[in-house]
């Protein structure tokens, strides 16, 4: 899942990668990859999704903080984002999860709920 939240707790629809989206909210998009992970080709869709839902523009910039996963270094995605007012900034490689806010909040809770559902 690629998720975006803001400091006041707002969020946009998640970008999910798994083949079945039957219970996801309307307009949620997703992609499938046999590894279960994002890749550069899948990530090219993220800036489009983010821009559509935030309505950022060259006049009203938005900032997206990303971890340093290799798939986020996609030149086509970066150029598209830049043209449309989305500034993408990555954390340093091997950054501790305490410096990556979504690792503790969104993804930490998601992992806990998934573990509880799988191992009742």
PDB file of N, CA and C in Angstrom:
ATOM      1  N   UNK A   1       0.847  -1.173   0.000  1.00  0.00           N
ATOM      2  CA  UNK A   1       0.000   0.000   0.000  1.00  0.00           C
ATOM      3  C   UNK A   1       0.894   1.238   0.000  1.00  0.00           C
ATOM      4  N   UNK A   2       0.506   2.202  -0.811  1.00  0.00           N
ATOM      5  CA  UNK A   2       1.120   3.528  -0.742  1.00  0.00           C
ATOM      6  C   UNK A   2       0.033   4.448  -0.217  1.00  0.00           C
ATOM      7  N   UNK A   3       0.313   5.124   0.857  1.00  0.00           N
ATOM      8  CA  UNK A   3      -0.682   5.947   1.529  1.00  0.00           C
ATOM      9  C   UNK A   3      -0.166   7.375   1.648  1.00  0.00           C
ATOM     10  N   UNK A   4      -1.078   8.314   1.682  1.00  0.00           N
ATOM     11  CA  UNK A   4      -0.711   9.720   1.888  1.00  0.00           C
ATOM     12  C   UNK A   4      -1.624  10.309   2.950  1.00  0.00           C
ATOM     13  N   UNK A   5      -1.013  10.901   3.957  1.00  0.00           N
ATOM     14  CA  UNK A   5      -1.757  11.596   5.002  1.00  0.00           C
ATOM     15  C   UNK A   5      -1.113  12.952   5.212  1.00  0.00           C
ATOM     16  N   UNK A   6      -1.872  13.876   5.807  1.00  0.00           N
ATOM     17  CA  UNK A   6      -1.281  15.181   6.111  1.00  0.00           C
ATOM     18  C   UNK A   6      -1.194  15.370   7.622  1.00  0.00           C
ATOM     19  N   UNK A   7      -0.564  16.429   8.034  1.00  0.00           N
ATOM     20  CA  UNK A   7      -0.308  16.669   9.454  1.00  0.00           C
ATOM     21  C   UNK A   7      -1.585  16.815  10.273  1.00  0.00           C
ATOM     22  N   UNK A   8      -2.687  17.205   9.645  1.00  0.00           N
ATOM     23  CA  UNK A   8      -3.934  17.350  10.392  1.00  0.00           C
ATOM     24  C   UNK A   8      -4.766  16.073  10.396  1.00  0.00           C
ATOM     25  N   UNK A   9      -4.219  14.988   9.832  1.00  0.00           N
ATOM     26  CA  UNK A   9      -4.908  13.699   9.867  1.00  0.00           C
ATOM     27  C   UNK A   9      -5.720  13.378   8.633  1.00  0.00           C
ATOM     28  N   UNK A  10      -5.773  14.283   7.652  1.00  0.00           N
ATOM     29  CA  UNK A  10      -6.494  14.006   6.415  1.00  0.00           C
ATOM     30  C   UNK A  10      -5.731  12.991   5.570  1.00  0.00           C
ATOM     31  N   UNK A  11      -6.416  12.345   4.663  1.00  0.00           N
ATOM     32  CA  UNK A  11      -5.749  11.381   3.784  1.00  0.00           C
ATOM     33  C   UNK A  11      -6.477  11.294   2.454  1.00  0.00           C
ATOM     34  N   UNK A  12      -5.811  10.686   1.491  1.00  0.00           N
ATOM     35  CA  UNK A  12      -6.451  10.386   0.210  1.00  0.00           C
ATOM     36  C   UNK A  12      -6.631   8.874   0.143  1.00  0.00           C
ATOM     37  N   UNK A  13      -7.353   8.408  -0.851  1.00  0.00           N
ATOM     38  CA  UNK A  13      -7.544   6.973  -1.004  1.00  0.00           C
ATOM     39  C   UNK A  13      -6.194   6.291  -1.175  1.00  0.00           C
ATOM     40  N   UNK A  14      -6.024   5.120  -0.586  1.00  0.00           N
ATOM     41  CA  UNK A  14      -4.735   4.435  -0.714  1.00  0.00           C
ATOM     42  C   UNK A  14      -4.535   3.876  -2.109  1.00  0.00           C
ATOM     43  N   UNK A  15      -3.289   3.679  -2.446  1.00  0.00           N
ATOM     44  CA  UNK A  15      -2.918   2.979  -3.679  1.00  0.00           C
ATOM     45  C   UNK A  15      -2.500   1.592  -3.221  1.00  0.00           C
ATOM     46  N   UNK A  16      -3.268   0.585  -3.596  1.00  0.00           N
ATOM     47  CA  UNK A  16      -3.038  -0.777  -3.122  1.00  0.00           C
ATOM     48  C   UNK A  16      -2.401  -1.631  -4.200  1.00  0.00           C
ATOM     49  N   UNK A  17      -1.536  -2.568  -3.807  1.00  0.00           N
ATOM     50  CA  UNK A  17      -1.106  -3.526  -4.808  1.00  0.00           C
ATOM     51  C   UNK A  17      -1.439  -4.929  -4.384  1.00  0.00           C
ATOM     52  N   UNK A  18      -2.565  -5.337  -4.877  1.00  0.00           N
ATOM     53  CA  UNK A  18      -2.990  -6.722  -4.868  1.00  0.00           C
ATOM     54  C   UNK A  18      -4.128  -6.812  -5.866  1.00  0.00           C
ATOM     55  N   UNK A  19      -4.348  -7.987  -6.436  1.00  0.00           N
ATOM     56  CA  UNK A  19      -5.263  -8.069  -7.579  1.00  0.00           C
ATOM     57  C   UNK A  19      -6.738  -7.848  -7.286  1.00  0.00           C
ATOM     58  N   UNK A  20      -7.192  -8.083  -6.068  1.00  0.00           N
ATOM     59  CA  UNK A  20      -8.631  -7.987  -5.827  1.00  0.00           C
ATOM     60  C   UNK A  20      -8.954  -6.738  -5.020  1.00  0.00           C
ATOM     61  N   UNK A  21      -9.711  -5.839  -5.617  1.00  0.00           N
ATOM     62  CA  UNK A  21     -10.090  -4.595  -4.954  1.00  0.00           C
ATOM     63  C   UNK A  21     -11.595  -4.543  -4.697  1.00  0.00           C
ATOM     64  N   UNK A  22     -12.236  -5.703  -4.609  1.00  0.00           N
ATOM     65  CA  UNK A  22     -13.693  -5.733  -4.544  1.00  0.00           C
ATOM     66  C   UNK A  22     -14.273  -5.002  -3.333  1.00  0.00           C
ATOM     67  N   UNK A  23     -13.552  -4.907  -2.215  1.00  0.00           N
ATOM     68  CA  UNK A  23     -14.087  -4.246  -1.025  1.00  0.00           C
ATOM     69  C   UNK A  23     -13.447  -2.888  -0.774  1.00  0.00           C
ATOM     70  N   UNK A  24     -12.637  -2.437  -1.688  1.00  0.00           N
ATOM     71  CA  UNK A  24     -11.957  -1.147  -1.513  1.00  0.00           C
ATOM     72  C   UNK A  24     -12.919  -0.002  -1.821  1.00  0.00           C
ATOM     73  N   UNK A  25     -12.669   1.188  -1.233  1.00  0.00           N
ATOM     74  CA  UNK A  25     -13.533   2.337  -1.531  1.00  0.00           C
ATOM     75  C   UNK A  25     -13.523   2.673  -3.021  1.00  0.00           C
ATOM     76  N   UNK A  26     -14.611   3.244  -3.504  1.00  0.00           N
ATOM     77  CA  UNK A  26     -14.721   3.663  -4.900  1.00  0.00           C
ATOM     78  C   UNK A  26     -13.538   4.564  -5.246  1.00  0.00           C
ATOM     79  N   UNK A  27     -13.028   4.427  -6.434  1.00  0.00           N
ATOM     80  CA  UNK A  27     -11.887   5.184  -6.969  1.00  0.00           C
ATOM     81  C   UNK A  27     -10.536   4.784  -6.384  1.00  0.00           C
ATOM     82  N   UNK A  28     -10.501   3.762  -5.518  1.00  0.00           N
ATOM     83  CA  UNK A  28      -9.209   3.235  -5.076  1.00  0.00           C
ATOM     84  C   UNK A  28      -8.578   2.558  -6.271  1.00  0.00           C
ATOM     85  N   UNK A  29      -7.300   2.773  -6.465  1.00  0.00           N
ATOM     86  CA  UNK A  29      -6.624   2.092  -7.563  1.00  0.00           C
ATOM     87  C   UNK A  29      -5.621   1.114  -6.991  1.00  0.00           C
ATOM     88  N   UNK A  30      -5.271   0.160  -7.800  1.00  0.00           N
ATOM     89  CA  UNK A  30      -4.321  -0.841  -7.342  1.00  0.00           C
ATOM     90  C   UNK A  30      -3.591  -1.470  -8.499  1.00  0.00           C
ATOM     91  N   UNK A  31      -2.570  -2.188  -8.166  1.00  0.00           N
ATOM     92  CA  UNK A  31      -1.774  -2.889  -9.162  1.00  0.00           C
ATOM     93  C   UNK A  31      -1.287  -4.183  -8.542  1.00  0.00           C
ATOM     94  N   UNK A  32      -0.991  -5.144  -9.368  1.00  0.00           N
ATOM     95  CA  UNK A  32      -0.508  -6.436  -8.876  1.00  0.00           C
ATOM     96  C   UNK A  32       0.915  -6.672  -9.345  1.00  0.00           C
ATOM     97  N   UNK A  33       1.710  -7.231  -8.482  1.00  0.00           N
ATOM     98  CA  UNK A  33       3.077  -7.614  -8.801  1.00  0.00           C
ATOM     99  C   UNK A  33       3.314  -8.945  -8.096  1.00  0.00           C
ATOM    100  N   UNK A  34       3.836  -9.952  -8.806  1.00  0.00           N
ATOM    101  CA  UNK A  34       4.029 -11.267  -8.175  1.00  0.00           C
ATOM    102  C   UNK A  34       4.809 -11.217  -6.862  1.00  0.00           C
ATOM    103  N   UNK A  35       5.727 -10.267  -6.722  1.00  0.00           N
ATOM    104  CA  UNK A  35       6.517 -10.187  -5.487  1.00  0.00           C
ATOM    105  C   UNK A  35       5.708  -9.616  -4.329  1.00  0.00           C
ATOM    106  N   UNK A  36       4.589  -8.931  -4.632  1.00  0.00           N
ATOM    107  CA  UNK A  36       3.813  -8.273  -3.595  1.00  0.00           C
ATOM    108  C   UNK A  36       4.338  -6.894  -3.236  1.00  0.00           C
ATOM    109  N   UNK A  37       5.394  -6.464  -3.880  1.00  0.00           N
ATOM    110  CA  UNK A  37       6.003  -5.159  -3.616  1.00  0.00           C
ATOM    111  C   UNK A  37       5.776  -4.221  -4.785  1.00  0.00           C
ATOM    112  N   UNK A  38       5.914  -2.942  -4.532  1.00  0.00           N
ATOM    113  CA  UNK A  38       5.849  -1.960  -5.609  1.00  0.00           C
ATOM    114  C   UNK A  38       7.126  -2.070  -6.449  1.00  0.00           C
ATOM    115  N   UNK A  39       7.049  -1.541  -7.656  1.00  0.00           N
ATOM    116  CA  UNK A  39       8.245  -1.440  -8.497  1.00  0.00           C
ATOM    117  C   UNK A  39       8.160  -0.119  -9.250  1.00  0.00           C
ATOM    118  N   UNK A  40       9.176   0.189 -10.016  1.00  0.00           N
ATOM    119  CA  UNK A  40       9.223   1.482 -10.710  1.00  0.00           C
ATOM    120  C   UNK A  40       8.032   1.664 -11.650  1.00  0.00           C
ATOM    121  N   UNK A  41       7.612   0.609 -12.307  1.00  0.00           N
ATOM    122  CA  UNK A  41       6.493   0.701 -13.250  1.00  0.00           C
ATOM    123  C   UNK A  41       5.184   1.001 -12.506  1.00  0.00           C
ATOM    124  N   UNK A  42       4.958   0.328 -11.392  1.00  0.00           N
ATOM    125  CA  UNK A  42       3.762   0.578 -10.586  1.00  0.00           C
ATOM    126  C   UNK A  42       3.819   1.980  -9.982  1.00  0.00           C
ATOM    127  N   UNK A  43       4.991   2.372  -9.497  1.00  0.00           N
ATOM    128  CA  UNK A  43       5.114   3.664  -8.828  1.00  0.00           C
ATOM    129  C   UNK A  43       4.806   4.832  -9.762  1.00  0.00           C
ATOM    130  N   UNK A  44       4.974   4.657 -11.076  1.00  0.00           N
ATOM    131  CA  UNK A  44       4.655   5.746 -12.017  1.00  0.00           C
ATOM    132  C   UNK A  44       3.206   6.202 -11.871  1.00  0.00           C
ATOM    133  N   UNK A  45       2.333   5.327 -11.372  1.00  0.00           N
ATOM    134  CA  UNK A  45       0.924   5.673 -11.208  1.00  0.00           C
ATOM    135  C   UNK A  45       0.664   6.510  -9.956  1.00  0.00           C
ATOM    136  N   UNK A  46       1.572   6.438  -8.974  1.00  0.00           N
ATOM    137  CA  UNK A  46       1.354   7.137  -7.702  1.00  0.00           C
ATOM    138  C   UNK A  46       1.224   8.650  -7.854  1.00  0.00           C
ATOM    139  N   UNK A  47       2.135   9.343  -8.542  1.00  0.00           N
ATOM    140  CA  UNK A  47       1.967  10.795  -8.665  1.00  0.00           C
ATOM    141  C   UNK A  47       0.646  11.187  -9.331  1.00  0.00           C
ATOM    142  N   UNK A  48       0.209  10.416 -10.305  1.00  0.00           N
ATOM    143  CA  UNK A  48      -1.066  10.705 -10.965  1.00  0.00           C
ATOM    144  C   UNK A  48      -2.212  10.602  -9.962  1.00  0.00           C
ATOM    145  N   UNK A  49      -2.195   9.551  -9.167  1.00  0.00           N
ATOM    146  CA  UNK A  49      -3.224   9.331  -8.139  1.00  0.00           C
ATOM    147  C   UNK A  49      -3.199  10.464  -7.108  1.00  0.00           C
ATOM    148  N   UNK A  50      -2.010  10.804  -6.634  1.00  0.00           N
ATOM    149  CA  UNK A  50      -1.852  11.845  -5.615  1.00  0.00           C
ATOM    150  C   UNK A  50      -2.351  13.194  -6.138  1.00  0.00           C
ATOM    151  N   UNK A  51      -1.933  13.561  -7.328  1.00  0.00           N
ATOM    152  CA  UNK A  51      -2.307  14.851  -7.920  1.00  0.00           C
ATOM    153  C   UNK A  51      -3.821  14.931  -8.162  1.00  0.00           C
ATOM    154  N   UNK A  52      -4.398  13.835  -8.620  1.00  0.00           N
ATOM    155  CA  UNK A  52      -5.843  13.808  -8.858  1.00  0.00           C
ATOM    156  C   UNK A  52      -6.614  14.100  -7.569  1.00  0.00           C
ATOM    157  N   UNK A  53      -6.183  13.508  -6.462  1.00  0.00           N
ATOM    158  CA  UNK A  53      -6.941  13.627  -5.214  1.00  0.00           C
ATOM    159  C   UNK A  53      -6.580  14.848  -4.376  1.00  0.00           C
ATOM    160  N   UNK A  54      -5.394  15.408  -4.570  1.00  0.00           N
ATOM    161  CA  UNK A  54      -5.028  16.602  -3.801  1.00  0.00           C
ATOM    162  C   UNK A  54      -5.258  17.880  -4.597  1.00  0.00           C
ATOM    163  N   UNK A  55      -5.366  17.747  -5.916  1.00  0.00           N
ATOM    164  CA  UNK A  55      -5.531  18.880  -6.829  1.00  0.00           C
ATOM    165  C   UNK A  55      -4.383  19.878  -6.716  1.00  0.00           C
ATOM    166  N   UNK A  56      -3.184  19.371  -6.412  1.00  0.00           N
ATOM    167  CA  UNK A  56      -2.036  20.287  -6.372  1.00  0.00           C
ATOM    168  C   UNK A  56      -1.733  20.751  -7.801  1.00  0.00           C
ATOM    169  N   UNK A  57      -0.990  21.831  -7.899  1.00  0.00           N
ATOM    170  CA  UNK A  57      -0.657  22.403  -9.203  1.00  0.00           C
ATOM    171  C   UNK A  57       0.646  23.174  -9.073  1.00  0.00           C
ATOM    172  N   UNK A  58       1.104  23.717 -10.172  1.00  0.00           N
ATOM    173  CA  UNK A  58       2.328  24.527 -10.108  1.00  0.00           C
ATOM    174  C   UNK A  58       2.115  25.778  -9.254  1.00  0.00           C
ATOM    175  N   UNK A  59       0.870  26.215  -9.130  1.00  0.00           N
ATOM    176  CA  UNK A  59       0.554  27.374  -8.306  1.00  0.00           C
ATOM    177  C   UNK A  59       0.306  26.988  -6.845  1.00  0.00           C
ATOM    178  N   UNK A  60      -0.114  25.767  -6.597  1.00  0.00           N
ATOM    179  CA  UNK A  60      -0.414  25.282  -5.256  1.00  0.00           C
ATOM    180  C   UNK A  60       0.333  23.962  -5.053  1.00  0.00           C
ATOM    181  N   UNK A  61       1.577  24.069  -4.637  1.00  0.00           N
ATOM    182  CA  UNK A  61       2.459  22.908  -4.517  1.00  0.00           C
ATOM    183  C   UNK A  61       2.046  21.992  -3.369  1.00  0.00           C
ATOM    184  N   UNK A  62       2.391  20.723  -3.513  1.00  0.00           N
ATOM    185  CA  UNK A  62       2.212  19.740  -2.437  1.00  0.00           C
ATOM    186  C   UNK A  62       3.537  19.013  -2.257  1.00  0.00           C
ATOM    187  N   UNK A  63       3.780  18.556  -1.051  1.00  0.00           N
ATOM    188  CA  UNK A  63       5.000  17.836  -0.724  1.00  0.00           C
ATOM    189  C   UNK A  63       4.647  16.407  -0.358  1.00  0.00           C
ATOM    190  N   UNK A  64       5.339  15.455  -0.962  1.00  0.00           N
ATOM    191  CA  UNK A  64       5.169  14.044  -0.632  1.00  0.00           C
ATOM    192  C   UNK A  64       6.494  13.531  -0.085  1.00  0.00           C
ATOM    193  N   UNK A  65       6.468  13.055   1.152  1.00  0.00           N
ATOM    194  CA  UNK A  65       7.656  12.481   1.775  1.00  0.00           C
ATOM    195  C   UNK A  65       7.635  10.973   1.548  1.00  0.00           C
ATOM    196  N   UNK A  66       8.713  10.452   0.992  1.00  0.00           N
ATOM    197  CA  UNK A  66       8.768   9.040   0.612  1.00  0.00           C
ATOM    198  C   UNK A  66       9.934   8.355   1.296  1.00  0.00           C
ATOM    199  N   UNK A  67       9.790   7.040   1.501  1.00  0.00           N
ATOM    200  CA  UNK A  67      10.964   6.310   1.957  1.00  0.00           C
ATOM    201  C   UNK A  67      11.901   6.180   0.756  1.00  0.00           C
ATOM    202  N   UNK A  68      13.029   5.608   0.941  1.00  0.00           N
ATOM    203  CA  UNK A  68      14.044   5.604  -0.109  1.00  0.00           C
ATOM    204  C   UNK A  68      14.036   4.315  -0.926  1.00  0.00           C
ATOM    205  N   UNK A  69      12.877   3.744  -1.133  1.00  0.00           N
ATOM    206  CA  UNK A  69      12.777   2.517  -1.925  1.00  0.00           C
ATOM    207  C   UNK A  69      13.193   2.805  -3.366  1.00  0.00           C
ATOM    208  N   UNK A  70      13.897   1.869  -3.974  1.00  0.00           N
ATOM    209  CA  UNK A  70      14.385   2.047  -5.349  1.00  0.00           C
ATOM    210  C   UNK A  70      13.283   2.409  -6.333  1.00  0.00           C
ATOM    211  N   UNK A  71      12.091   1.871  -6.152  1.00  0.00           N
ATOM    212  CA  UNK A  71      11.005   2.132  -7.101  1.00  0.00           C
ATOM    213  C   UNK A  71      10.594   3.598  -7.131  1.00  0.00           C
ATOM    214  N   UNK A  72      10.903   4.355  -6.084  1.00  0.00           N
ATOM    215  CA  UNK A  72      10.548   5.776  -6.044  1.00  0.00           C
ATOM    216  C   UNK A  72      11.502   6.640  -6.860  1.00  0.00           C
ATOM    217  N   UNK A  73      12.542   6.040  -7.390  1.00  0.00           N
ATOM    218  CA  UNK A  73      13.519   6.772  -8.187  1.00  0.00           C
ATOM    219  C   UNK A  73      13.217   6.607  -9.672  1.00  0.00           C
ATOM    220  N   UNK A  74      11.971   6.728 -10.041  1.00  0.00           N
ATOM    221  CA  UNK A  74      11.514   6.573 -11.418  1.00  0.00           C
ATOM    222  C   UNK A  74      11.473   7.953 -12.068  1.00  0.00           C
ATOM    223  N   UNK A  75      12.315   8.164 -13.074  1.00  0.00           N
ATOM    224  CA  UNK A  75      12.441   9.474 -13.700  1.00  0.00           C
ATOM    225  C   UNK A  75      11.118   9.971 -14.291  1.00  0.00           C
ATOM    226  N   UNK A  76      10.367   9.087 -14.930  1.00  0.00           N
ATOM    227  CA  UNK A  76       9.083   9.503 -15.509  1.00  0.00           C
ATOM    228  C   UNK A  76       8.127   9.994 -14.420  1.00  0.00           C
ATOM    229  N   UNK A  77       8.086   9.310 -13.287  1.00  0.00           N
ATOM    230  CA  UNK A  77       7.217   9.718 -12.187  1.00  0.00           C
ATOM    231  C   UNK A  77       7.662  11.058 -11.606  1.00  0.00           C
ATOM    232  N   UNK A  78       8.968  11.228 -11.449  1.00  0.00           N
ATOM    233  CA  UNK A  78       9.507  12.472 -10.887  1.00  0.00           C
ATOM    234  C   UNK A  78       9.221  13.651 -11.811  1.00  0.00           C
ATOM    235  N   UNK A  79       9.416  13.464 -13.109  1.00  0.00           N
ATOM    236  CA  UNK A  79       9.156  14.552 -14.069  1.00  0.00           C
ATOM    237  C   UNK A  79       7.678  14.907 -14.107  1.00  0.00           C
ATOM    238  N   UNK A  80       6.803  13.903 -14.104  1.00  0.00           N
ATOM    239  CA  UNK A  80       5.359  14.158 -14.101  1.00  0.00           C
ATOM    240  C   UNK A  80       4.966  14.933 -12.849  1.00  0.00           C
ATOM    241  N   UNK A  81       5.487  14.500 -11.710  1.00  0.00           N
ATOM    242  CA  UNK A  81       5.173  15.174 -10.447  1.00  0.00           C
ATOM    243  C   UNK A  81       5.619  16.633 -10.481  1.00  0.00           C
ATOM    244  N   UNK A  82       6.833  16.849 -10.933  1.00  0.00           N
ATOM    245  CA  UNK A  82       7.382  18.215 -10.967  1.00  0.00           C
ATOM    246  C   UNK A  82       6.538  19.135 -11.851  1.00  0.00           C
ATOM    247  N   UNK A  83       6.102  18.634 -13.006  1.00  0.00           N
ATOM    248  CA  UNK A  83       5.288  19.431 -13.935  1.00  0.00           C
ATOM    249  C   UNK A  83       3.929  19.794 -13.345  1.00  0.00           C
ATOM    250  N   UNK A  84       3.478  18.999 -12.372  1.00  0.00           N
ATOM    251  CA  UNK A  84       2.133  19.169 -11.832  1.00  0.00           C
ATOM    252  C   UNK A  84       2.101  19.655 -10.388  1.00  0.00           C
ATOM    253  N   UNK A  85       3.207  20.197  -9.908  1.00  0.00           N
ATOM    254  CA  UNK A  85       3.208  20.822  -8.592  1.00  0.00           C
ATOM    255  C   UNK A  85       3.394  19.892  -7.407  1.00  0.00           C
ATOM    256  N   UNK A  86       3.867  18.687  -7.655  1.00  0.00           N
ATOM    257  CA  UNK A  86       4.121  17.746  -6.573  1.00  0.00           C
ATOM    258  C   UNK A  86       5.625  17.638  -6.352  1.00  0.00           C
ATOM    259  N   UNK A  87       6.064  18.033  -5.177  1.00  0.00           N
ATOM    260  CA  UNK A  87       7.472  17.933  -4.807  1.00  0.00           C
ATOM    261  C   UNK A  87       7.636  16.626  -4.046  1.00  0.00           C
ATOM    262  N   UNK A  88       8.474  15.737  -4.556  1.00  0.00           N
ATOM    263  CA  UNK A  88       8.708  14.455  -3.890  1.00  0.00           C
ATOM    264  C   UNK A  88      10.082  14.494  -3.224  1.00  0.00           C
ATOM    265  N   UNK A  89      10.092  14.224  -1.940  1.00  0.00           N
ATOM    266  CA  UNK A  89      11.318  14.263  -1.139  1.00  0.00           C
ATOM    267  C   UNK A  89      11.463  12.922  -0.447  1.00  0.00           C
ATOM    268  N   UNK A  90      12.644  12.311  -0.530  1.00  0.00           N
ATOM    269  CA  UNK A  90      12.844  11.012   0.107  1.00  0.00           C
ATOM    270  C   UNK A  90      13.670  11.144   1.372  1.00  0.00           C
ATOM    271  N   UNK A  91      13.360  10.279   2.323  1.00  0.00           N
ATOM    272  CA  UNK A  91      14.172  10.173   3.524  1.00  0.00           C
ATOM    273  C   UNK A  91      15.518   9.566   3.155  1.00  0.00           C
ATOM    274  N   UNK A  92      16.486   9.725   4.011  1.00  0.00           N
ATOM    275  CA  UNK A  92      17.803   9.131   3.775  1.00  0.00           C
ATOM    276  C   UNK A  92      17.701   7.608   3.777  1.00  0.00           C
ATOM    277  N   UNK A  93      18.587   6.924   3.015  1.00  0.00           N
ATOM    278  CA  UNK A  93      18.567   5.456   3.025  1.00  0.00           C
ATOM    279  C   UNK A  93      18.813   4.923   4.442  1.00  0.00           C
ATOM    280  N   UNK A  94      18.182   3.812   4.757  1.00  0.00           N
ATOM    281  CA  UNK A  94      18.348   3.110   6.034  1.00  0.00           C
ATOM    282  C   UNK A  94      17.972   3.987   7.229  1.00  0.00           C
ATOM    283  N   UNK A  95      17.073   4.909   7.008  1.00  0.00           N
ATOM    284  CA  UNK A  95      16.593   5.815   8.049  1.00  0.00           C
ATOM    285  C   UNK A  95      15.778   5.005   9.064  1.00  0.00           C
ATOM    286  N   UNK A  96      15.945   5.280  10.310  1.00  0.00           N
ATOM    287  CA  UNK A  96      15.181   4.588  11.355  1.00  0.00           C
ATOM    288  C   UNK A  96      13.688   4.853  11.180  1.00  0.00           C
ATOM    289  N   UNK A  97      12.861   3.859  11.540  1.00  0.00           N
ATOM    290  CA  UNK A  97      11.420   4.023  11.337  1.00  0.00           C
ATOM    291  C   UNK A  97      10.828   5.143  12.179  1.00  0.00           C
ATOM    292  N   UNK A  98      11.494   5.578  13.251  1.00  0.00           N
ATOM    293  CA  UNK A  98      10.973   6.685  14.057  1.00  0.00           C
ATOM    294  C   UNK A  98      11.015   8.001  13.292  1.00  0.00           C
ATOM    295  N   UNK A  99      11.827   8.071  12.254  1.00  0.00           N
ATOM    296  CA  UNK A  99      11.878   9.270  11.428  1.00  0.00           C
ATOM    297  C   UNK A  99      10.930   9.172  10.234  1.00  0.00           C
ATOM    298  N   UNK A 100      10.310   8.037  10.060  1.00  0.00           N
ATOM    299  CA  UNK A 100       9.356   7.844   8.972  1.00  0.00           C
ATOM    300  C   UNK A 100       7.967   7.738   9.602  1.00  0.00           C
ATOM    301  N   UNK A 101       7.235   8.832   9.649  1.00  0.00           N
ATOM    302  CA  UNK A 101       5.996   8.898  10.428  1.00  0.00           C
ATOM    303  C   UNK A 101       4.956   7.843  10.106  1.00  0.00           C
ATOM    304  N   UNK A 102       4.806   7.443   8.859  1.00  0.00           N
ATOM    305  CA  UNK A 102       3.767   6.469   8.527  1.00  0.00           C
ATOM    306  C   UNK A 102       4.129   5.058   8.990  1.00  0.00           C
ATOM    307  N   UNK A 103       5.432   4.766   9.175  1.00  0.00           N
ATOM    308  CA  UNK A 103       5.821   3.448   9.671  1.00  0.00           C
ATOM    309  C   UNK A 103       5.247   3.195  11.059  1.00  0.00           C
ATOM    310  N   UNK A 104       5.138   4.227  11.850  1.00  0.00           N
ATOM    311  CA  UNK A 104       4.642   4.078  13.213  1.00  0.00           C
ATOM    312  C   UNK A 104       3.120   4.166  13.247  1.00  0.00           C
ATOM    313  N   UNK A 105       2.553   5.111  12.526  1.00  0.00           N
ATOM    314  CA  UNK A 105       1.113   5.348  12.598  1.00  0.00           C
ATOM    315  C   UNK A 105       0.340   4.420  11.670  1.00  0.00           C
ATOM    316  N   UNK A 106       0.247   4.741  10.415  1.00  0.00           N
ATOM    317  CA  UNK A 106      -0.590   4.003   9.465  1.00  0.00           C
ATOM    318  C   UNK A 106      -0.129   2.560   9.307  1.00  0.00           C
ATOM    319  N   UNK A 107       1.121   2.350   8.942  1.00  0.00           N
ATOM    320  CA  UNK A 107       1.584   0.995   8.658  1.00  0.00           C
ATOM    321  C   UNK A 107       1.730   0.161   9.922  1.00  0.00           C
ATOM    322  N   UNK A 108       2.100   0.779  11.041  1.00  0.00           N
ATOM    323  CA  UNK A 108       2.183   0.039  12.294  1.00  0.00           C
ATOM    324  C   UNK A 108       0.837  -0.529  12.691  1.00  0.00           C
ATOM    325  N   UNK A 109      -0.213   0.305  12.610  1.00  0.00           N
ATOM    326  CA  UNK A 109      -1.569  -0.159  12.930  1.00  0.00           C
ATOM    327  C   UNK A 109      -2.047  -1.207  11.932  1.00  0.00           C
ATOM    328  N   UNK A 110      -1.770  -0.983  10.653  1.00  0.00           N
ATOM    329  CA  UNK A 110      -2.183  -1.946   9.630  1.00  0.00           C
ATOM    330  C   UNK A 110      -1.538  -3.311   9.894  1.00  0.00           C
ATOM    331  N   UNK A 111      -0.249  -3.319  10.176  1.00  0.00           N
ATOM    332  CA  UNK A 111       0.442  -4.590  10.456  1.00  0.00           C
ATOM    333  C   UNK A 111      -0.153  -5.277  11.689  1.00  0.00           C
ATOM    334  N   UNK A 112      -0.465  -4.506  12.717  1.00  0.00           N
ATOM    335  CA  UNK A 112      -1.043  -5.097  13.924  1.00  0.00           C
ATOM    336  C   UNK A 112      -2.399  -5.732  13.620  1.00  0.00           C
ATOM    337  N   UNK A 113      -3.274  -4.990  12.886  1.00  0.00           N
ATOM    338  CA  UNK A 113      -4.599  -5.530  12.553  1.00  0.00           C
ATOM    339  C   UNK A 113      -4.501  -6.756  11.650  1.00  0.00           C
ATOM    340  N   UNK A 114      -3.588  -6.734  10.696  1.00  0.00           N
ATOM    341  CA  UNK A 114      -3.412  -7.898   9.824  1.00  0.00           C
ATOM    342  C   UNK A 114      -2.909  -9.102  10.613  1.00  0.00           C
ATOM    343  N   UNK A 115      -1.945  -8.893  11.501  1.00  0.00           N
ATOM    344  CA  UNK A 115      -1.447  -9.992  12.334  1.00  0.00           C
ATOM    345  C   UNK A 115      -2.544 -10.559  13.223  1.00  0.00           C
ATOM    346  N   UNK A 116      -3.368  -9.674  13.811  1.00  0.00           N
ATOM    347  CA  UNK A 116      -4.477 -10.143  14.653  1.00  0.00           C
ATOM    348  C   UNK A 116      -5.494 -10.924  13.837  1.00  0.00           C
ATOM    349  N   UNK A 117      -5.747 -10.514  12.598  1.00  0.00           N
ATOM    350  CA  UNK A 117      -6.722 -11.207  11.752  1.00  0.00           C
ATOM    351  C   UNK A 117      -6.201 -12.577  11.314  1.00  0.00           C
ATOM    352  N   UNK A 118      -4.898 -12.657  11.058  1.00  0.00           N
ATOM    353  CA  UNK A 118      -4.312 -13.921  10.586  1.00  0.00           C
ATOM    354  C   UNK A 118      -4.046 -14.872  11.749  1.00  0.00           C
ATOM    355  N   UNK A 119      -3.657 -14.323  12.894  1.00  0.00           N
ATOM    356  CA  UNK A 119      -3.315 -15.142  14.075  1.00  0.00           C
ATOM    357  C   UNK A 119      -4.201 -14.756  15.261  1.00  0.00           C
ATOM    358  N   UNK A 120      -5.488 -15.153  15.210  1.00  0.00           N
ATOM    359  CA  UNK A 120      -6.414 -14.747  16.294  1.00  0.00           C
ATOM    360  C   UNK A 120      -6.032 -15.320  17.650  1.00  0.00           C
TER     361      UNK A 120
END
